[in-house]
Amino acid sequence: MLTDYRPADEAGIYSGTIEDLKKLNTSDAEVAEIIRLKKVNVDEKTIVSLVRIAHEHQHAFVATDIVRSLAGGNFSDEQILRIAQTDQFDTIGGDAVMLHAMGLSAPTVDYLLDRRLKGVRTMSVATIADLKNSGLAEKEILYRIQQGMTDAQGEAEAAARQRATAHNTGFKSNRGRRR
């Protein structure tokens, strides 16, 4: 069956882009996903590249929600395509969005993302969040990651910091007589 590209044309996708998509043998379902990306202003060259990469990994392009989240989180097209190349949109893409939502700076998110893309062991997003919630500054968390701190070590430190904070309320007991 032939794919119907009329919805793509009606969505304002350029005819040259549609021709590129035809060469990739996109499905009707992929065309619907492509239109969703076009509506949030993802560059058409990036869209074609995402479909091409998915096909190289021998599956249909279905990562629209992650791509939309990454684009909305101000990740560059280059970063999005690097994540696509790993064929791990669900894990790495989701982690990148969470790190950004956590309030980490763009350079820190880029650094952590780069480590994950290179396969370098890095603390999980959950452990990083626990350390941040325990009061550690971003710089201190990065230092621990660079030193090779594991998730288990990070969780232990976060738990110890939270216990210390809960124990030290700042109140002092007044002992003695009242006058």
C-alpha atoms as a PDB file:
ATOM      1  CA  MET A   1       0.000   0.000   0.000  1.00  0.00           C
ATOM      2  CA  LEU A   2       1.144   3.490  -0.784  1.00  0.00           C
ATOM      3  CA  THR A   3       1.575   6.137   1.871  1.00  0.00           C
ATOM      4  CA  ASP A   4      -0.717   9.151   1.663  1.00  0.00           C
ATOM      5  CA  TYR A   5       1.443  12.275   1.805  1.00  0.00           C
ATOM      6  CA  ARG A   6      -1.456  14.708   1.313  1.00  0.00           C
ATOM      7  CA  PRO A   7      -1.749  15.411   5.072  1.00  0.00           C
ATOM      8  CA  ALA A   8       1.957  16.357   5.101  1.00  0.00           C
ATOM      9  CA  ASP A   9       1.399  18.716   2.181  1.00  0.00           C
ATOM     10  CA  GLU A  10      -1.646  20.224   3.908  1.00  0.00           C
ATOM     11  CA  ALA A  11       0.428  20.714   7.088  1.00  0.00           C
ATOM     12  CA  GLY A  12       2.829  22.906   5.123  1.00  0.00           C
ATOM     13  CA  ILE A  13       5.709  20.489   4.757  1.00  0.00           C
ATOM     14  CA  TYR A  14       7.797  21.459   1.745  1.00  0.00           C
ATOM     15  CA  SER A  15       7.547  19.326  -1.370  1.00  0.00           C
ATOM     16  CA  GLY A  16      11.304  18.626  -1.307  1.00  0.00           C
ATOM     17  CA  THR A  17      10.966  17.257   2.218  1.00  0.00           C
ATOM     18  CA  ILE A  18       8.027  15.102   1.130  1.00  0.00           C
ATOM     19  CA  GLU A  19      10.164  13.720  -1.714  1.00  0.00           C
ATOM     20  CA  ASP A  20      12.915  12.883   0.800  1.00  0.00           C
ATOM     21  CA  LEU A  21      10.336  11.117   2.992  1.00  0.00           C
ATOM     22  CA  LYS A  22       9.056   9.141   0.003  1.00  0.00           C
ATOM     23  CA  LYS A  23      12.596   7.881  -0.624  1.00  0.00           C
ATOM     24  CA  LEU A  24      12.629   6.613   2.968  1.00  0.00           C
ATOM     25  CA  ASN A  25       9.349   4.719   2.433  1.00  0.00           C
ATOM     26  CA  THR A  26       7.645   6.329   5.389  1.00  0.00           C
ATOM     27  CA  SER A  27       4.371   4.881   6.592  1.00  0.00           C
ATOM     28  CA  ASP A  28       1.082   6.683   7.168  1.00  0.00           C
ATOM     29  CA  ALA A  29       1.722   6.454  10.924  1.00  0.00           C
ATOM     30  CA  GLU A  30       5.128   8.083  10.480  1.00  0.00           C
ATOM     31  CA  VAL A  31       3.616  10.865   8.393  1.00  0.00           C
ATOM     32  CA  ALA A  32       1.254  11.605  11.300  1.00  0.00           C
ATOM     33  CA  GLU A  33       4.247  11.744  13.673  1.00  0.00           C
ATOM     34  CA  ILE A  34       6.124  13.995  11.238  1.00  0.00           C
ATOM     35  CA  ILE A  35       3.195  16.411  11.117  1.00  0.00           C
ATOM     36  CA  ARG A  36       3.175  16.582  14.938  1.00  0.00           C
ATOM     37  CA  LEU A  37       6.848  17.571  14.874  1.00  0.00           C
ATOM     38  CA  LYS A  38       6.261  20.145  12.157  1.00  0.00           C
ATOM     39  CA  LYS A  39       3.555  21.749  14.313  1.00  0.00           C
ATOM     40  CA  VAL A  40       6.102  22.409  17.089  1.00  0.00           C
ATOM     41  CA  ASN A  41       8.582  23.884  14.607  1.00  0.00           C
ATOM     42  CA  VAL A  42      11.139  21.090  14.484  1.00  0.00           C
ATOM     43  CA  ASP A  43      13.301  21.733  11.428  1.00  0.00           C
ATOM     44  CA  GLU A  44      12.288  19.623   8.426  1.00  0.00           C
ATOM     45  CA  LYS A  45      15.870  18.509   7.756  1.00  0.00           C
ATOM     46  CA  THR A  46      16.012  17.262  11.337  1.00  0.00           C
ATOM     47  CA  ILE A  47      12.709  15.447  10.886  1.00  0.00           C
ATOM     48  CA  VAL A  48      13.977  13.677   7.762  1.00  0.00           C
ATOM     49  CA  SER A  49      17.186  12.755   9.590  1.00  0.00           C
ATOM     50  CA  LEU A  50      15.216  11.342  12.522  1.00  0.00           C
ATOM     51  CA  VAL A  51      13.159   9.142  10.202  1.00  0.00           C
ATOM     52  CA  ARG A  52      16.303   8.042   8.340  1.00  0.00           C
ATOM     53  CA  ILE A  53      18.064   7.147  11.604  1.00  0.00           C
ATOM     54  CA  ALA A  54      15.048   5.179  12.846  1.00  0.00           C
ATOM     55  CA  HIS A  55      14.964   3.239   9.576  1.00  0.00           C
ATOM     56  CA  GLU A  56      18.709   2.569   9.836  1.00  0.00           C
ATOM     57  CA  HIS A  57      17.934   0.985  13.216  1.00  0.00           C
ATOM     58  CA  GLN A  58      15.232  -1.006  11.408  1.00  0.00           C
ATOM     59  CA  HIS A  59      12.142   0.390  13.040  1.00  0.00           C
ATOM     60  CA  ALA A  60       9.580   3.058  12.360  1.00  0.00           C
ATOM     61  CA  PHE A  61      10.003   6.563  13.720  1.00  0.00           C
ATOM     62  CA  VAL A  62       7.806   6.807  16.818  1.00  0.00           C
ATOM     63  CA  ALA A  63       9.806   9.033  19.190  1.00  0.00           C
ATOM     64  CA  THR A  64       7.767  12.182  18.591  1.00  0.00           C
ATOM     65  CA  ASP A  65       6.960  12.856  22.249  1.00  0.00           C
ATOM     66  CA  ILE A  66      10.601  12.680  23.351  1.00  0.00           C
ATOM     67  CA  VAL A  67      11.727  14.833  20.421  1.00  0.00           C
ATOM     68  CA  ARG A  68       9.040  17.400  21.274  1.00  0.00           C
ATOM     69  CA  SER A  69      10.160  17.401  24.927  1.00  0.00           C
ATOM     70  CA  LEU A  70      13.801  17.798  23.966  1.00  0.00           C
ATOM     71  CA  ALA A  71      13.014  20.599  21.507  1.00  0.00           C
ATOM     72  CA  GLY A  72      10.850  22.274  24.163  1.00  0.00           C
ATOM     73  CA  GLY A  73      13.765  21.947  26.608  1.00  0.00           C
ATOM     74  CA  ASN A  74      15.973  23.947  24.215  1.00  0.00           C
ATOM     75  CA  PHE A  75      18.081  20.998  23.133  1.00  0.00           C
ATOM     76  CA  SER A  76      19.705  21.668  19.772  1.00  0.00           C
ATOM     77  CA  ASP A  77      18.890  19.697  16.649  1.00  0.00           C
ATOM     78  CA  GLU A  78      22.437  18.325  16.808  1.00  0.00           C
ATOM     79  CA  GLN A  79      21.894  17.027  20.350  1.00  0.00           C
ATOM     80  CA  ILE A  80      18.569  15.474  19.406  1.00  0.00           C
ATOM     81  CA  LEU A  81      20.154  13.724  16.426  1.00  0.00           C
ATOM     82  CA  ARG A  82      23.037  12.469  18.609  1.00  0.00           C
ATOM     83  CA  ILE A  83      20.503  10.888  20.950  1.00  0.00           C
ATOM     84  CA  ALA A  84      18.672   9.400  17.956  1.00  0.00           C
ATOM     85  CA  GLN A  85      21.916   7.801  16.757  1.00  0.00           C
ATOM     86  CA  THR A  86      22.112   5.809  20.009  1.00  0.00           C
ATOM     87  CA  ASP A  87      18.652   4.333  19.346  1.00  0.00           C
ATOM     88  CA  GLN A  88      17.885   4.955  23.012  1.00  0.00           C
ATOM     89  CA  PHE A  89      15.414   7.818  22.826  1.00  0.00           C
ATOM     90  CA  ASP A  90      13.327   6.475  25.686  1.00  0.00           C
ATOM     91  CA  THR A  91      16.191   6.228  28.163  1.00  0.00           C
ATOM     92  CA  ILE A  92      18.746   8.859  27.196  1.00  0.00           C
ATOM     93  CA  GLY A  93      16.164  11.313  25.825  1.00  0.00           C
ATOM     94  CA  GLY A  94      13.978  10.948  28.896  1.00  0.00           C
ATOM     95  CA  ASP A  95      16.983  11.409  31.187  1.00  0.00           C
ATOM     96  CA  ALA A  96      18.030  14.548  29.314  1.00  0.00           C
ATOM     97  CA  VAL A  97      14.561  16.052  29.700  1.00  0.00           C
ATOM     98  CA  MET A  98      14.505  15.203  33.428  1.00  0.00           C
ATOM     99  CA  LEU A  99      17.959  16.700  34.033  1.00  0.00           C
ATOM    100  CA  HIS A 100      16.814  19.897  32.365  1.00  0.00           C
ATOM    101  CA  ALA A 101      13.529  19.934  34.304  1.00  0.00           C
ATOM    102  CA  MET A 102      15.484  19.406  37.525  1.00  0.00           C
ATOM    103  CA  GLY A 103      16.950  22.854  37.044  1.00  0.00           C
ATOM    104  CA  LEU A 104      20.481  21.886  36.122  1.00  0.00           C
ATOM    105  CA  SER A 105      22.294  24.354  33.891  1.00  0.00           C
ATOM    106  CA  ALA A 106      22.599  23.724  30.164  1.00  0.00           C
ATOM    107  CA  PRO A 107      26.373  23.092  30.345  1.00  0.00           C
ATOM    108  CA  THR A 108      25.850  20.496  33.084  1.00  0.00           C
ATOM    109  CA  VAL A 109      23.062  18.764  31.167  1.00  0.00           C
ATOM    110  CA  ASP A 110      25.269  18.778  28.057  1.00  0.00           C
ATOM    111  CA  TYR A 111      28.154  17.279  30.040  1.00  0.00           C
ATOM    112  CA  LEU A 112      25.989  14.518  31.528  1.00  0.00           C
ATOM    113  CA  LEU A 113      24.343  13.825  28.185  1.00  0.00           C
ATOM    114  CA  ASP A 114      27.734  13.623  26.492  1.00  0.00           C
ATOM    115  CA  ARG A 115      28.912  11.084  29.106  1.00  0.00           C
ATOM    116  CA  ARG A 116      25.838   8.942  28.516  1.00  0.00           C
ATOM    117  CA  LEU A 117      26.197   9.129  24.739  1.00  0.00           C
ATOM    118  CA  LYS A 118      29.835   8.010  25.035  1.00  0.00           C
ATOM    119  CA  GLY A 119      28.828   5.150  27.331  1.00  0.00           C
ATOM    120  CA  VAL A 120      30.747   6.565  30.311  1.00  0.00           C
ATOM    121  CA  ARG A 121      29.287   5.440  33.641  1.00  0.00           C
ATOM    122  CA  THR A 122      27.284   8.244  35.187  1.00  0.00           C
ATOM    123  CA  MET A 123      24.956   8.447  38.142  1.00  0.00           C
ATOM    124  CA  SER A 124      21.290   7.906  37.395  1.00  0.00           C
ATOM    125  CA  VAL A 125      18.912  10.835  37.183  1.00  0.00           C
ATOM    126  CA  ALA A 126      17.193   9.643  40.369  1.00  0.00           C
ATOM    127  CA  THR A 127      20.448   9.704  42.342  1.00  0.00           C
ATOM    128  CA  ILE A 128      21.369  13.124  40.963  1.00  0.00           C
ATOM    129  CA  ALA A 129      17.918  14.386  41.995  1.00  0.00           C
ATOM    130  CA  ASP A 130      18.315  12.926  45.495  1.00  0.00           C
ATOM    131  CA  LEU A 131      21.705  14.602  45.899  1.00  0.00           C
ATOM    132  CA  LYS A 132      20.290  17.899  44.668  1.00  0.00           C
ATOM    133  CA  ASN A 133      17.319  17.597  47.028  1.00  0.00           C
ATOM    134  CA  SER A 134      19.686  16.872  49.921  1.00  0.00           C
ATOM    135  CA  GLY A 135      21.166  20.328  49.452  1.00  0.00           C
ATOM    136  CA  LEU A 136      24.223  19.659  47.303  1.00  0.00           C
ATOM    137  CA  ALA A 137      25.004  22.347  44.767  1.00  0.00           C
ATOM    138  CA  GLU A 138      25.276  21.485  41.084  1.00  0.00           C
ATOM    139  CA  LYS A 139      29.041  22.027  41.198  1.00  0.00           C
ATOM    140  CA  GLU A 140      29.387  19.554  44.073  1.00  0.00           C
ATOM    141  CA  ILE A 141      27.289  16.944  42.266  1.00  0.00           C
ATOM    142  CA  LEU A 142      29.415  17.323  39.132  1.00  0.00           C
ATOM    143  CA  TYR A 143      32.575  16.872  41.182  1.00  0.00           C
ATOM    144  CA  ARG A 144      31.234  13.614  42.614  1.00  0.00           C
ATOM    145  CA  ILE A 145      30.290  12.375  39.136  1.00  0.00           C
ATOM    146  CA  GLN A 146      33.739  13.243  37.790  1.00  0.00           C
ATOM    147  CA  GLN A 147      35.307  11.336  40.694  1.00  0.00           C
ATOM    148  CA  GLY A 148      33.328   8.231  39.706  1.00  0.00           C
ATOM    149  CA  MET A 149      30.762   8.149  42.497  1.00  0.00           C
ATOM    150  CA  THR A 150      28.342   5.260  41.990  1.00  0.00           C
ATOM    151  CA  ASP A 151      24.579   5.331  42.440  1.00  0.00           C
ATOM    152  CA  ALA A 152      24.905   3.384  45.687  1.00  0.00           C
ATOM    153  CA  GLN A 153      27.439   5.856  47.065  1.00  0.00           C
ATOM    154  CA  GLY A 154      25.344   8.803  45.912  1.00  0.00           C
ATOM    155  CA  GLU A 155      22.172   7.416  47.492  1.00  0.00           C
ATOM    156  CA  ALA A 156      24.035   6.742  50.743  1.00  0.00           C
ATOM    157  CA  GLU A 157      25.352  10.306  50.822  1.00  0.00           C
ATOM    158  CA  ALA A 158      21.944  11.778  49.996  1.00  0.00           C
ATOM    159  CA  ALA A 159      20.305   9.716  52.758  1.00  0.00           C
ATOM    160  CA  ALA A 160      22.987  10.737  55.286  1.00  0.00           C
ATOM    161  CA  ARG A 161      22.610  14.407  54.346  1.00  0.00           C
ATOM    162  CA  GLN A 162      18.830  14.210  54.679  1.00  0.00           C
ATOM    163  CA  ARG A 163      19.093  12.493  58.081  1.00  0.00           C
ATOM    164  CA  ALA A 164      21.530  15.154  59.274  1.00  0.00           C
ATOM    165  CA  THR A 165      19.218  17.910  58.094  1.00  0.00           C
ATOM    166  CA  ALA A 166      16.198  16.314  59.772  1.00  0.00           C
ATOM    167  CA  HIS A 167      18.121  15.804  63.017  1.00  0.00           C
ATOM    168  CA  ASN A 168      19.504  19.333  63.180  1.00  0.00           C
ATOM    169  CA  THR A 169      16.360  21.440  63.484  1.00  0.00           C
ATOM    170  CA  GLY A 170      18.147  24.495  64.836  1.00  0.00           C
ATOM    171  CA  PHE A 171      16.167  24.491  68.079  1.00  0.00           C
ATOM    172  CA  LYS A 172      18.020  24.527  71.366  1.00  0.00           C
ATOM    173  CA  SER A 173      16.725  23.277  74.635  1.00  0.00           C
ATOM    174  CA  ASN A 174      16.625  25.781  77.466  1.00  0.00           C
ATOM    175  CA  ARG A 175      17.459  23.937  80.619  1.00  0.00           C
ATOM    176  CA  GLY A 176      17.219  25.590  83.912  1.00  0.00           C
ATOM    177  CA  ARG A 177      14.795  27.566  85.962  1.00  0.00           C
ATOM    178  CA  ARG A 178      12.359  29.993  84.580  1.00  0.00           C
ATOM    179  CA  ARG A 179      12.042  33.237  86.401  1.00  0.00           C
END
